[in-house]
PDB file of N, CA and C in Angstrom:
ATOM      1  N   UNK A   1       0.853  -1.286  -0.101  1.00  0.00           N
ATOM      2  CA  UNK A   1       0.011  -0.119  -0.167  1.00  0.00           C
ATOM      3  C   UNK A   1       0.913   1.154  -0.112  1.00  0.00           C
ATOM      4  N   UNK A   2       0.693   2.144  -0.886  1.00  0.00           N
ATOM      5  CA  UNK A   2       1.430   3.385  -1.014  1.00  0.00           C
ATOM      6  C   UNK A   2       1.000   4.350   0.001  1.00  0.00           C
ATOM      7  N   UNK A   3       1.612   4.994   0.772  1.00  0.00           N
ATOM      8  CA  UNK A   3       1.171   6.071   1.606  1.00  0.00           C
ATOM      9  C   UNK A   3       0.739   7.342   0.999  1.00  0.00           C
ATOM     10  N   UNK A   4      -0.515   7.648   1.236  1.00  0.00           N
ATOM     11  CA  UNK A   4      -1.125   8.847   0.663  1.00  0.00           C
ATOM     12  C   UNK A   4      -0.705  10.144   1.611  1.00  0.00           C
ATOM     13  N   UNK A   5      -0.312  11.176   0.906  1.00  0.00           N
ATOM     14  CA  UNK A   5      -0.106  12.362   1.540  1.00  0.00           C
ATOM     15  C   UNK A   5      -1.343  13.084   2.138  1.00  0.00           C
ATOM     16  N   UNK A   6      -1.429  13.763   3.236  1.00  0.00           N
ATOM     17  CA  UNK A   6      -2.712  14.306   3.787  1.00  0.00           C
ATOM     18  C   UNK A   6      -2.724  15.726   3.268  1.00  0.00           C
ATOM     19  N   UNK A   7      -4.090  15.975   2.478  1.00  0.00           N
ATOM     20  CA  UNK A   7      -4.259  17.150   2.157  1.00  0.00           C
ATOM     21  C   UNK A   7      -4.899  17.855   3.387  1.00  0.00           C
ATOM     22  N   UNK A   8      -4.247  18.739   3.964  1.00  0.00           N
ATOM     23  CA  UNK A   8      -4.649  19.474   5.287  1.00  0.00           C
ATOM     24  C   UNK A   8      -5.703  20.375   5.229  1.00  0.00           C
ATOM     25  N   UNK A   9      -5.902  21.162   4.226  1.00  0.00           N
ATOM     26  CA  UNK A   9      -7.229  21.964   4.226  1.00  0.00           C
ATOM     27  C   UNK A   9      -8.384  21.081   3.979  1.00  0.00           C
ATOM     28  N   UNK A  10      -8.239  20.086   3.178  1.00  0.00           N
ATOM     29  CA  UNK A  10      -9.536  19.071   2.801  1.00  0.00           C
ATOM     30  C   UNK A  10      -9.635  18.653   4.501  1.00  0.00           C
ATOM     31  N   UNK A  11      -8.823  17.879   4.999  1.00  0.00           N
ATOM     32  CA  UNK A  11      -9.079  17.287   6.377  1.00  0.00           C
ATOM     33  C   UNK A  11      -9.548  18.258   7.469  1.00  0.00           C
ATOM     34  N   UNK A  12      -9.107  19.474   7.450  1.00  0.00           N
ATOM     35  CA  UNK A  12      -9.526  20.448   8.368  1.00  0.00           C
ATOM     36  C   UNK A  12     -11.069  20.542   8.141  1.00  0.00           C
ATOM     37  N   UNK A  13     -11.392  20.835   6.910  1.00  0.00           N
ATOM     38  CA  UNK A  13     -12.859  21.114   6.626  1.00  0.00           C
ATOM     39  C   UNK A  13     -13.751  19.744   6.758  1.00  0.00           C
ATOM     40  N   UNK A  14     -13.268  18.753   6.851  1.00  0.00           N
ATOM     41  CA  UNK A  14     -13.827  17.327   7.007  1.00  0.00           C
ATOM     42  C   UNK A  14     -14.169  17.261   8.575  1.00  0.00           C
ATOM     43  N   UNK A  15     -13.192  17.638   9.298  1.00  0.00           N
ATOM     44  CA  UNK A  15     -13.197  17.387  10.605  1.00  0.00           C
ATOM     45  C   UNK A  15     -14.282  18.577  11.297  1.00  0.00           C
ATOM     46  N   UNK A  16     -14.177  19.894  10.707  1.00  0.00           N
ATOM     47  CA  UNK A  16     -15.241  20.884  11.016  1.00  0.00           C
ATOM     48  C   UNK A  16     -16.653  20.228  10.792  1.00  0.00           C
ATOM     49  N   UNK A  17     -17.028  19.739   9.685  1.00  0.00           N
ATOM     50  CA  UNK A  17     -18.159  19.121   9.124  1.00  0.00           C
ATOM     51  C   UNK A  17     -18.450  18.073  10.370  1.00  0.00           C
ATOM     52  N   UNK A  18     -17.457  17.168  10.436  1.00  0.00           N
ATOM     53  CA  UNK A  18     -17.851  16.029  11.390  1.00  0.00           C
ATOM     54  C   UNK A  18     -18.325  16.357  12.918  1.00  0.00           C
ATOM     55  N   UNK A  19     -17.495  17.401  13.413  1.00  0.00           N
ATOM     56  CA  UNK A  19     -17.702  17.910  14.702  1.00  0.00           C
ATOM     57  C   UNK A  19     -18.878  18.713  14.861  1.00  0.00           C
ATOM     58  N   UNK A  20     -19.260  19.199  14.042  1.00  0.00           N
ATOM     59  CA  UNK A  20     -20.568  20.000  14.011  1.00  0.00           C
ATOM     60  C   UNK A  20     -21.810  19.231  13.611  1.00  0.00           C
ATOM     61  N   UNK A  21     -21.740  17.940  13.266  1.00  0.00           N
ATOM     62  CA  UNK A  21     -22.824  17.074  12.872  1.00  0.00           C
ATOM     63  C   UNK A  21     -23.110  16.886  11.356  1.00  0.00           C
ATOM     64  N   UNK A  22     -22.717  17.845  10.638  1.00  0.00           N
ATOM     65  CA  UNK A  22     -22.982  18.078   9.005  1.00  0.00           C
ATOM     66  C   UNK A  22     -22.456  17.226   8.369  1.00  0.00           C
ATOM     67  N   UNK A  23     -21.446  16.287   8.754  1.00  0.00           N
ATOM     68  CA  UNK A  23     -21.067  15.137   7.969  1.00  0.00           C
ATOM     69  C   UNK A  23     -21.899  14.197   7.774  1.00  0.00           C
ATOM     70  N   UNK A  24     -22.151  13.719   6.625  1.00  0.00           N
ATOM     71  CA  UNK A  24     -23.198  12.537   6.443  1.00  0.00           C
ATOM     72  C   UNK A  24     -22.522  11.100   6.420  1.00  0.00           C
ATOM     73  N   UNK A  25     -21.248  11.071   5.653  1.00  0.00           N
ATOM     74  CA  UNK A  25     -20.554   9.887   5.810  1.00  0.00           C
ATOM     75  C   UNK A  25     -18.982  10.184   6.256  1.00  0.00           C
ATOM     76  N   UNK A  26     -18.426   8.963   6.632  1.00  0.00           N
ATOM     77  CA  UNK A  26     -17.006   9.151   7.095  1.00  0.00           C
ATOM     78  C   UNK A  26     -16.136   8.948   5.836  1.00  0.00           C
ATOM     79  N   UNK A  27     -15.111   9.569   5.789  1.00  0.00           N
ATOM     80  CA  UNK A  27     -13.999   9.509   4.756  1.00  0.00           C
ATOM     81  C   UNK A  27     -13.031   8.758   5.232  1.00  0.00           C
ATOM     82  N   UNK A  28     -12.850   7.406   5.154  1.00  0.00           N
ATOM     83  CA  UNK A  28     -11.972   6.490   5.806  1.00  0.00           C
ATOM     84  C   UNK A  28     -10.701   6.811   5.211  1.00  0.00           C
ATOM     85  N   UNK A  29     -10.478   7.112   3.883  1.00  0.00           N
ATOM     86  CA  UNK A  29      -9.240   7.229   3.299  1.00  0.00           C
ATOM     87  C   UNK A  29      -8.660   8.478   3.707  1.00  0.00           C
ATOM     88  N   UNK A  30      -9.220   9.381   3.857  1.00  0.00           N
ATOM     89  CA  UNK A  30      -8.741  10.869   4.399  1.00  0.00           C
ATOM     90  C   UNK A  30      -8.349  10.511   5.842  1.00  0.00           C
ATOM     91  N   UNK A  31      -9.086   9.811   6.930  1.00  0.00           N
ATOM     92  CA  UNK A  31      -8.831   9.564   8.069  1.00  0.00           C
ATOM     93  C   UNK A  31      -7.533   8.891   8.151  1.00  0.00           C
ATOM     94  N   UNK A  32      -7.350   7.799   7.274  1.00  0.00           N
ATOM     95  CA  UNK A  32      -6.362   7.054   7.231  1.00  0.00           C
ATOM     96  C   UNK A  32      -4.876   7.861   7.007  1.00  0.00           C
ATOM     97  N   UNK A  33      -5.203   8.496   5.970  1.00  0.00           N
ATOM     98  CA  UNK A  33      -3.896   9.526   5.434  1.00  0.00           C
ATOM     99  C   UNK A  33      -3.560  10.722   6.340  1.00  0.00           C
ATOM    100  N   UNK A  34      -4.507  11.206   7.137  1.00  0.00           N
ATOM    101  CA  UNK A  34      -4.300  12.278   7.939  1.00  0.00           C
ATOM    102  C   UNK A  34      -4.359  11.885   9.377  1.00  0.00           C
ATOM    103  N   UNK A  35      -4.996  11.001   9.943  1.00  0.00           N
ATOM    104  CA  UNK A  35      -4.936  10.720  11.217  1.00  0.00           C
ATOM    105  C   UNK A  35      -4.133   9.610  11.806  1.00  0.00           C
ATOM    106  N   UNK A  36      -4.636   8.453  11.158  1.00  0.00           N
ATOM    107  CA  UNK A  36      -3.983   6.910  11.584  1.00  0.00           C
ATOM    108  C   UNK A  36      -2.590   6.860  11.300  1.00  0.00           C
ATOM    109  N   UNK A  37      -2.041   7.613  10.205  1.00  0.00           N
ATOM    110  CA  UNK A  37      -0.553   7.558   9.878  1.00  0.00           C
ATOM    111  C   UNK A  37       0.177   8.474  10.553  1.00  0.00           C
ATOM    112  N   UNK A  38      -0.286   9.260  11.613  1.00  0.00           N
ATOM    113  CA  UNK A  38       0.401  10.316  12.524  1.00  0.00           C
ATOM    114  C   UNK A  38       1.539   9.131  13.242  1.00  0.00           C
ATOM    115  N   UNK A  39       2.467   9.733  13.611  1.00  0.00           N
ATOM    116  CA  UNK A  39       3.476   8.762  14.383  1.00  0.00           C
ATOM    117  C   UNK A  39       2.888   8.350  15.794  1.00  0.00           C
ATOM    118  N   UNK A  40       2.297   9.192  16.453  1.00  0.00           N
ATOM    119  CA  UNK A  40       1.704   8.888  17.845  1.00  0.00           C
ATOM    120  C   UNK A  40       0.677   7.886  17.841  1.00  0.00           C
ATOM    121  N   UNK A  41      -0.063   8.062  16.653  1.00  0.00           N
ATOM    122  CA  UNK A  41      -1.198   7.186  16.733  1.00  0.00           C
ATOM    123  C   UNK A  41      -0.705   5.608  16.034  1.00  0.00           C
ATOM    124  N   UNK A  42       0.430   5.641  15.297  1.00  0.00           N
ATOM    125  CA  UNK A  42       0.983   4.584  14.922  1.00  0.00           C
ATOM    126  C   UNK A  42       1.639   3.719  16.206  1.00  0.00           C
ATOM    127  N   UNK A  43       2.394   4.507  17.084  1.00  0.00           N
ATOM    128  CA  UNK A  43       2.961   4.037  18.332  1.00  0.00           C
ATOM    129  C   UNK A  43       1.745   3.332  19.301  1.00  0.00           C
ATOM    130  N   UNK A  44       0.724   3.980  19.135  1.00  0.00           N
ATOM    131  CA  UNK A  44      -0.285   3.468  20.194  1.00  0.00           C
ATOM    132  C   UNK A  44      -0.995   2.148  19.556  1.00  0.00           C
ATOM    133  N   UNK A  45      -1.111   2.207  18.188  1.00  0.00           N
ATOM    134  CA  UNK A  45      -1.729   0.950  17.634  1.00  0.00           C
ATOM    135  C   UNK A  45      -0.838  -0.193  17.527  1.00  0.00           C
ATOM    136  N   UNK A  46       0.580   0.073  17.415  1.00  0.00           N
ATOM    137  CA  UNK A  46       1.463  -0.860  17.693  1.00  0.00           C
ATOM    138  C   UNK A  46       1.465  -1.613  19.020  1.00  0.00           C
ATOM    139  N   UNK A  47       1.341  -0.555  19.955  1.00  0.00           N
ATOM    140  CA  UNK A  47       1.312  -1.095  21.238  1.00  0.00           C
ATOM    141  C   UNK A  47       0.001  -1.915  21.763  1.00  0.00           C
ATOM    142  N   UNK A  48      -1.146  -1.766  21.083  1.00  0.00           N
ATOM    143  CA  UNK A  48      -2.251  -2.407  21.206  1.00  0.00           C
ATOM    144  C   UNK A  48      -2.052  -3.903  20.631  1.00  0.00           C
ATOM    145  N   UNK A  49      -1.466  -3.745  19.482  1.00  0.00           N
ATOM    146  CA  UNK A  49      -1.153  -5.095  18.734  1.00  0.00           C
ATOM    147  C   UNK A  49      -0.071  -5.928  19.642  1.00  0.00           C
ATOM    148  N   UNK A  50       0.900  -5.329  20.155  1.00  0.00           N
ATOM    149  CA  UNK A  50       1.684  -6.065  21.023  1.00  0.00           C
ATOM    150  C   UNK A  50       1.275  -6.785  22.356  1.00  0.00           C
ATOM    151  N   UNK A  51       0.170  -6.073  23.012  1.00  0.00           N
ATOM    152  CA  UNK A  51      -0.248  -6.736  23.879  1.00  0.00           C
ATOM    153  C   UNK A  51      -1.133  -7.815  23.630  1.00  0.00           C
ATOM    154  N   UNK A  52      -1.918  -7.754  22.445  1.00  0.00           N
ATOM    155  CA  UNK A  52      -2.816  -8.920  22.185  1.00  0.00           C
ATOM    156  C   UNK A  52      -1.880 -10.039  21.544  1.00  0.00           C
ATOM    157  N   UNK A  53      -0.906  -9.679  21.168  1.00  0.00           N
ATOM    158  CA  UNK A  53       0.097 -10.961  20.569  1.00  0.00           C
ATOM    159  C   UNK A  53       0.566 -11.634  21.782  1.00  0.00           C
ATOM    160  N   UNK A  54       1.026 -10.868  22.673  1.00  0.00           N
ATOM    161  CA  UNK A  54       1.617 -11.393  24.052  1.00  0.00           C
ATOM    162  C   UNK A  54       0.642 -12.125  24.612  1.00  0.00           C
ATOM    163  N   UNK A  55      -0.743 -11.844  24.704  1.00  0.00           N
ATOM    164  CA  UNK A  55      -1.805 -12.699  25.516  1.00  0.00           C
ATOM    165  C   UNK A  55      -1.805 -13.907  24.705  1.00  0.00           C
ATOM    166  N   UNK A  56      -2.189 -13.801  23.185  1.00  0.00           N
ATOM    167  CA  UNK A  56      -2.277 -14.657  22.534  1.00  0.00           C
ATOM    168  C   UNK A  56      -1.036 -15.980  22.586  1.00  0.00           C
ATOM    169  N   UNK A  57       0.065 -15.454  22.542  1.00  0.00           N
ATOM    170  CA  UNK A  57       1.144 -16.514  22.789  1.00  0.00           C
ATOM    171  C   UNK A  57       1.339 -17.084  23.933  1.00  0.00           C
ATOM    172  N   UNK A  58       0.742 -16.377  25.039  1.00  0.00           N
ATOM    173  CA  UNK A  58       0.618 -16.992  26.293  1.00  0.00           C
ATOM    174  C   UNK A  58      -0.596 -17.915  26.697  1.00  0.00           C
ATOM    175  N   UNK A  59      -1.476 -17.898  25.680  1.00  0.00           N
ATOM    176  CA  UNK A  59      -2.808 -18.690  25.859  1.00  0.00           C
ATOM    177  C   UNK A  59      -3.841 -18.078  26.455  1.00  0.00           C
ATOM    178  N   UNK A  60      -3.717 -16.927  26.946  1.00  0.00           N
ATOM    179  CA  UNK A  60      -4.926 -16.094  27.699  1.00  0.00           C
ATOM    180  C   UNK A  60      -6.016 -15.969  26.624  1.00  0.00           C
ATOM    181  N   UNK A  61      -5.688 -15.689  25.523  1.00  0.00           N
ATOM    182  CA  UNK A  61      -6.568 -15.281  24.370  1.00  0.00           C
ATOM    183  C   UNK A  61      -6.268 -16.166  23.248  1.00  0.00           C
ATOM    184  N   UNK A  62      -7.463 -16.385  22.347  1.00  0.00           N
ATOM    185  CA  UNK A  62      -6.926 -17.091  21.146  1.00  0.00           C
ATOM    186  C   UNK A  62      -7.599 -15.937  20.037  1.00  0.00           C
ATOM    187  N   UNK A  63      -6.970 -16.530  18.834  1.00  0.00           N
ATOM    188  CA  UNK A  63      -7.287 -15.536  17.572  1.00  0.00           C
ATOM    189  C   UNK A  63      -8.671 -15.287  17.425  1.00  0.00           C
ATOM    190  N   UNK A  64      -9.234 -14.322  17.110  1.00  0.00           N
ATOM    191  CA  UNK A  64     -10.587 -13.998  16.850  1.00  0.00           C
ATOM    192  C   UNK A  64     -11.589 -14.344  17.894  1.00  0.00           C
ATOM    193  N   UNK A  65     -11.452 -14.185  18.952  1.00  0.00           N
ATOM    194  CA  UNK A  65     -12.333 -14.775  20.143  1.00  0.00           C
ATOM    195  C   UNK A  65     -13.440 -13.718  20.447  1.00  0.00           C
ATOM    196  N   UNK A  66     -13.319 -12.516  19.782  1.00  0.00           N
ATOM    197  CA  UNK A  66     -14.377 -11.506  20.140  1.00  0.00           C
ATOM    198  C   UNK A  66     -14.174 -10.747  21.452  1.00  0.00           C
ATOM    199  N   UNK A  67     -12.764 -11.205  22.250  1.00  0.00           N
ATOM    200  CA  UNK A  67     -12.819 -10.434  23.465  1.00  0.00           C
ATOM    201  C   UNK A  67     -11.721  -9.144  23.246  1.00  0.00           C
ATOM    202  N   UNK A  68     -12.180  -8.268  23.844  1.00  0.00           N
ATOM    203  CA  UNK A  68     -11.375  -6.901  23.671  1.00  0.00           C
ATOM    204  C   UNK A  68     -10.401  -6.664  25.042  1.00  0.00           C
ATOM    205  N   UNK A  69      -9.415  -5.907  24.793  1.00  0.00           N
ATOM    206  CA  UNK A  69      -8.424  -5.604  25.739  1.00  0.00           C
ATOM    207  C   UNK A  69      -8.809  -4.327  26.171  1.00  0.00           C
ATOM    208  N   UNK A  70      -9.082  -3.965  27.449  1.00  0.00           N
ATOM    209  CA  UNK A  70      -9.403  -2.639  27.905  1.00  0.00           C
ATOM    210  C   UNK A  70      -8.088  -2.138  28.744  1.00  0.00           C
ATOM    211  N   UNK A  71      -7.562  -1.012  28.470  1.00  0.00           N
ATOM    212  CA  UNK A  71      -6.508  -0.448  29.457  1.00  0.00           C
ATOM    213  C   UNK A  71      -7.377   0.476  30.437  1.00  0.00           C
ATOM    214  N   UNK A  72      -7.202   0.177  31.697  1.00  0.00           N
ATOM    215  CA  UNK A  72      -7.919   0.926  32.598  1.00  0.00           C
ATOM    216  C   UNK A  72      -7.811   2.505  32.632  1.00  0.00           C
ATOM    217  N   UNK A  73      -6.336   2.730  32.518  1.00  0.00           N
ATOM    218  CA  UNK A  73      -5.960   4.141  32.534  1.00  0.00           C
ATOM    219  C   UNK A  73      -6.496   4.797  31.101  1.00  0.00           C
ATOM    220  N   UNK A  74      -6.766   4.024  30.186  1.00  0.00           N
ATOM    221  CA  UNK A  74      -6.758   4.635  28.720  1.00  0.00           C
ATOM    222  C   UNK A  74      -5.682   4.952  28.096  1.00  0.00           C
ATOM    223  N   UNK A  75      -4.654   4.408  28.557  1.00  0.00           N
ATOM    224  CA  UNK A  75      -3.384   4.677  27.776  1.00  0.00           C
ATOM    225  C   UNK A  75      -2.946   3.464  27.260  1.00  0.00           C
ATOM    226  N   UNK A  76      -2.902   3.232  25.886  1.00  0.00           N
ATOM    227  CA  UNK A  76      -2.471   2.090  25.337  1.00  0.00           C
ATOM    228  C   UNK A  76      -1.122   1.749  25.237  1.00  0.00           C
ATOM    229  N   UNK A  77      -0.289   2.855  25.659  1.00  0.00           N
ATOM    230  CA  UNK A  77       1.013   2.382  25.759  1.00  0.00           C
ATOM    231  C   UNK A  77       1.497   1.792  27.165  1.00  0.00           C
ATOM    232  N   UNK A  78       0.606   1.865  27.794  1.00  0.00           N
ATOM    233  CA  UNK A  78       0.726   1.312  29.398  1.00  0.00           C
ATOM    234  C   UNK A  78       0.214  -0.300  29.404  1.00  0.00           C
ATOM    235  N   UNK A  79       1.069  -1.187  29.048  1.00  0.00           N
ATOM    236  CA  UNK A  79       0.695  -2.626  28.987  1.00  0.00           C
ATOM    237  C   UNK A  79       0.880  -3.349  30.042  1.00  0.00           C
ATOM    238  N   UNK A  80       1.038  -2.885  31.277  1.00  0.00           N
ATOM    239  CA  UNK A  80       1.240  -3.524  32.558  1.00  0.00           C
ATOM    240  C   UNK A  80      -0.137  -4.585  32.709  1.00  0.00           C
ATOM    241  N   UNK A  81       0.096  -5.774  33.062  1.00  0.00           N
ATOM    242  CA  UNK A  81      -0.958  -6.597  33.538  1.00  0.00           C
ATOM    243  C   UNK A  81      -2.102  -5.973  34.231  1.00  0.00           C
ATOM    244  N   UNK A  82      -1.625  -5.234  35.516  1.00  0.00           N
ATOM    245  CA  UNK A  82      -2.279  -4.769  36.376  1.00  0.00           C
ATOM    246  C   UNK A  82      -3.280  -3.589  35.751  1.00  0.00           C
ATOM    247  N   UNK A  83      -2.976  -3.204  34.387  1.00  0.00           N
ATOM    248  CA  UNK A  83      -3.743  -2.140  33.691  1.00  0.00           C
ATOM    249  C   UNK A  83      -4.423  -2.751  32.702  1.00  0.00           C
ATOM    250  N   UNK A  84      -4.647  -4.041  32.332  1.00  0.00           N
ATOM    251  CA  UNK A  84      -5.369  -4.593  31.477  1.00  0.00           C
ATOM    252  C   UNK A  84      -6.610  -5.437  31.878  1.00  0.00           C
ATOM    253  N   UNK A  85      -7.592  -5.109  31.174  1.00  0.00           N
ATOM    254  CA  UNK A  85      -8.949  -5.934  31.727  1.00  0.00           C
ATOM    255  C   UNK A  85      -9.471  -6.587  30.322  1.00  0.00           C
ATOM    256  N   UNK A  86      -9.850  -7.957  30.288  1.00  0.00           N
ATOM    257  CA  UNK A  86     -10.387  -8.527  29.119  1.00  0.00           C
ATOM    258  C   UNK A  86     -11.706  -8.345  29.188  1.00  0.00           C
ATOM    259  N   UNK A  87     -12.465  -7.723  28.185  1.00  0.00           N
ATOM    260  CA  UNK A  87     -13.856  -7.609  28.282  1.00  0.00           C
ATOM    261  C   UNK A  87     -14.521  -7.961  27.128  1.00  0.00           C
ATOM    262  N   UNK A  88     -15.911  -8.225  26.896  1.00  0.00           N
ATOM    263  CA  UNK A  88     -16.363  -8.527  25.780  1.00  0.00           C
ATOM    264  C   UNK A  88     -16.691  -7.342  24.968  1.00  0.00           C
ATOM    265  N   UNK A  89     -17.062  -7.472  23.522  1.00  0.00           N
ATOM    266  CA  UNK A  89     -17.327  -6.244  22.799  1.00  0.00           C
ATOM    267  C   UNK A  89     -18.257  -5.316  23.372  1.00  0.00           C
ATOM    268  N   UNK A  90     -19.265  -5.840  23.873  1.00  0.00           N
ATOM    269  CA  UNK A  90     -20.467  -5.062  24.315  1.00  0.00           C
ATOM    270  C   UNK A  90     -20.031  -4.296  25.286  1.00  0.00           C
ATOM    271  N   UNK A  91     -19.385  -4.990  26.434  1.00  0.00           N
ATOM    272  CA  UNK A  91     -18.924  -4.316  27.684  1.00  0.00           C
ATOM    273  C   UNK A  91     -17.912  -3.239  26.983  1.00  0.00           C
ATOM    274  N   UNK A  92     -16.989  -3.524  26.159  1.00  0.00           N
ATOM    275  CA  UNK A  92     -15.967  -2.465  26.035  1.00  0.00           C
ATOM    276  C   UNK A  92     -16.347  -1.229  25.411  1.00  0.00           C
ATOM    277  N   UNK A  93     -17.566  -1.333  24.404  1.00  0.00           N
ATOM    278  CA  UNK A  93     -18.237  -0.393  23.826  1.00  0.00           C
ATOM    279  C   UNK A  93     -19.168   0.553  24.981  1.00  0.00           C
ATOM    280  N   UNK A  94     -19.690  -0.207  25.955  1.00  0.00           N
ATOM    281  CA  UNK A  94     -20.274   0.414  26.929  1.00  0.00           C
ATOM    282  C   UNK A  94     -19.164   1.409  27.804  1.00  0.00           C
ATOM    283  N   UNK A  95     -18.252   0.763  27.976  1.00  0.00           N
ATOM    284  CA  UNK A  95     -17.019   1.599  28.884  1.00  0.00           C
ATOM    285  C   UNK A  95     -16.742   2.904  28.146  1.00  0.00           C
ATOM    286  N   UNK A  96     -16.475   2.903  26.744  1.00  0.00           N
ATOM    287  CA  UNK A  96     -16.009   3.946  25.995  1.00  0.00           C
ATOM    288  C   UNK A  96     -17.093   4.867  25.566  1.00  0.00           C
ATOM    289  N   UNK A  97     -18.384   4.401  25.775  1.00  0.00           N
ATOM    290  CA  UNK A  97     -19.357   5.315  25.324  1.00  0.00           C
ATOM    291  C   UNK A  97     -19.732   6.125  26.381  1.00  0.00           C
ATOM    292  N   UNK A  98     -19.412   6.022  27.689  1.00  0.00           N
ATOM    293  CA  UNK A  98     -19.975   6.865  28.618  1.00  0.00           C
ATOM    294  C   UNK A  98     -19.061   8.197  28.679  1.00  0.00           C
ATOM    295  N   UNK A  99     -19.701   9.145  28.994  1.00  0.00           N
ATOM    296  CA  UNK A  99     -19.149  10.472  29.025  1.00  0.00           C
ATOM    297  C   UNK A  99     -17.952  10.666  30.034  1.00  0.00           C
ATOM    298  N   UNK A 100     -17.002  11.238  29.511  1.00  0.00           N
ATOM    299  CA  UNK A 100     -15.818  11.347  30.538  1.00  0.00           C
ATOM    300  C   UNK A 100     -16.213  12.586  31.493  1.00  0.00           C
ATOM    301  N   UNK A 101     -16.011  12.450  32.907  1.00  0.00           N
ATOM    302  CA  UNK A 101     -16.132  13.632  33.728  1.00  0.00           C
ATOM    303  C   UNK A 101     -15.046  14.321  33.971  1.00  0.00           C
TER     304      UNK A 101
END
């Protein structure tokens, strides 16, 4: 896959529409090029994959079992076992859908 350069002005306009509620559909290609390819987001995603891989290798999880890994302090770079909780997809969605106080 060839990385696509982020069109900054187009992304800013897209984010404004999305935050105001005017966006009808998500532009996944634009999000991938402008948000998910940022170094900080790549580090976080790699950390999430590392913890899942470690738990799969140790036998705690199996591949594609539908179990989500939740970080208690919401920091995906903190992969201490005391910070990790295994939850179902429904429970994980419920945890992250609550409004932060």
